[in-house]
């Protein structure tokens, strides 16, 4: 038993014309300045991690001056927080 096919008229493809119009007038939500600020904030966060890392101690050695140095306990977290503030500023700037 073969089913009879109904004669359905073809539907005009409006989607293609809408896509063509959208491609021509497409703009980014944020501009070049936004990406510069975001990159600067990201680099500050990475710099903070780099400042926090380091040290070349043997596993059975304890050097409190190196572990609790100003660079690791104060400077690195401060740089990372500044990087996060720059990221938030970049997002809310517009």
Protein backbone atom coordinates (compact mmCIF):
# COMPACT_ATOMS: atom_id res chain seq x y z
CA UNK A 1 0.00 0.00 0.00
CA UNK A 2 1.63 3.15 -1.13
CA UNK A 3 0.46 6.38 0.39
CA UNK A 4 -0.55 9.09 -1.96
CA UNK A 5 1.63 12.17 -1.79
CA UNK A 6 -0.16 15.43 -1.30
CA UNK A 7 0.68 18.28 -3.59
CA UNK A 8 2.25 20.77 -1.24
CA UNK A 9 3.35 24.04 -2.82
CA UNK A 10 7.01 24.94 -2.21
CA UNK A 11 7.59 27.39 0.60
CA UNK A 12 9.67 30.40 -0.39
CA UNK A 13 12.99 30.35 1.40
CA UNK A 14 13.04 33.66 3.25
CA UNK A 15 15.74 32.50 5.63
CA UNK A 16 18.49 32.88 3.02
CA UNK A 17 17.64 36.50 2.33
CA UNK A 18 17.50 37.27 6.07
CA UNK A 19 20.90 35.66 6.60
CA UNK A 20 22.42 37.65 3.74
CA UNK A 21 21.09 40.90 5.21
CA UNK A 22 22.34 40.01 8.68
CA UNK A 23 25.85 39.18 7.47
CA UNK A 24 26.26 42.55 5.78
CA UNK A 25 25.26 44.65 8.78
CA UNK A 26 26.74 42.56 11.56
CA UNK A 27 28.58 44.48 14.28
CA UNK A 28 30.38 43.33 17.38
CA UNK A 29 28.81 44.07 20.72
CA UNK A 30 32.10 45.44 22.07
CA UNK A 31 34.74 47.45 20.27
CA UNK A 32 38.51 47.36 20.06
CA UNK A 33 38.98 49.24 23.34
CA UNK A 34 37.04 46.54 25.21
CA UNK A 35 39.38 43.82 24.01
CA UNK A 36 42.43 45.91 24.91
CA UNK A 37 41.13 46.34 28.49
CA UNK A 38 40.24 42.64 28.74
CA UNK A 39 43.69 41.62 27.51
CA UNK A 40 45.37 43.98 29.98
CA UNK A 41 43.34 42.55 32.85
CA UNK A 42 44.11 38.98 31.79
CA UNK A 43 47.84 39.76 31.57
CA UNK A 44 47.78 41.29 35.05
CA UNK A 45 46.16 38.15 36.45
CA UNK A 46 48.76 35.96 34.72
CA UNK A 47 51.53 38.23 36.04
CA UNK A 48 50.14 37.77 39.56
CA UNK A 49 50.32 33.99 39.19
CA UNK A 50 53.87 34.24 37.90
CA UNK A 51 54.88 36.41 40.86
CA UNK A 52 53.30 33.93 43.24
CA UNK A 53 55.10 30.97 41.70
CA UNK A 54 58.75 30.19 41.92
CA UNK A 55 61.13 29.00 44.54
CA UNK A 56 63.49 26.14 44.25
CA UNK A 57 63.51 24.24 47.51
CA UNK A 58 64.27 20.62 48.25
CA UNK A 59 61.25 18.65 49.51
CA UNK A 60 62.69 18.35 53.02
CA UNK A 61 63.81 21.99 53.23
CA UNK A 62 61.80 24.81 54.84
CA UNK A 63 62.71 28.39 54.03
CA UNK A 64 60.08 30.64 55.59
CA UNK A 65 61.67 33.82 54.20
CA UNK A 66 61.17 32.60 50.66
CA UNK A 67 57.68 31.14 51.20
CA UNK A 68 56.29 34.13 53.09
CA UNK A 69 58.08 36.82 51.11
CA UNK A 70 56.49 40.18 50.30
CA UNK A 71 56.33 39.23 46.61
CA UNK A 72 54.24 36.11 47.24
CA UNK A 73 52.01 37.23 50.08
CA UNK A 74 51.30 40.86 49.21
CA UNK A 75 52.43 41.87 45.73
CA UNK A 76 51.13 38.88 43.73
CA UNK A 77 47.60 38.88 45.21
CA UNK A 78 47.43 42.68 44.82
CA UNK A 79 48.38 42.43 41.12
CA UNK A 80 45.79 39.70 40.60
CA UNK A 81 43.04 41.74 42.27
CA UNK A 82 43.96 44.76 40.14
CA UNK A 83 43.66 42.51 37.08
CA UNK A 84 40.18 41.40 38.18
CA UNK A 85 39.16 45.03 38.75
CA UNK A 86 40.36 45.89 35.24
CA UNK A 87 38.28 42.99 33.86
CA UNK A 88 35.15 44.21 35.66
CA UNK A 89 35.81 47.77 34.50
CA UNK A 90 36.15 46.56 30.90
CA UNK A 91 32.85 44.70 31.08
CA UNK A 92 30.88 47.56 32.65
CA UNK A 93 32.60 50.40 30.76
CA UNK A 94 30.02 50.55 28.00
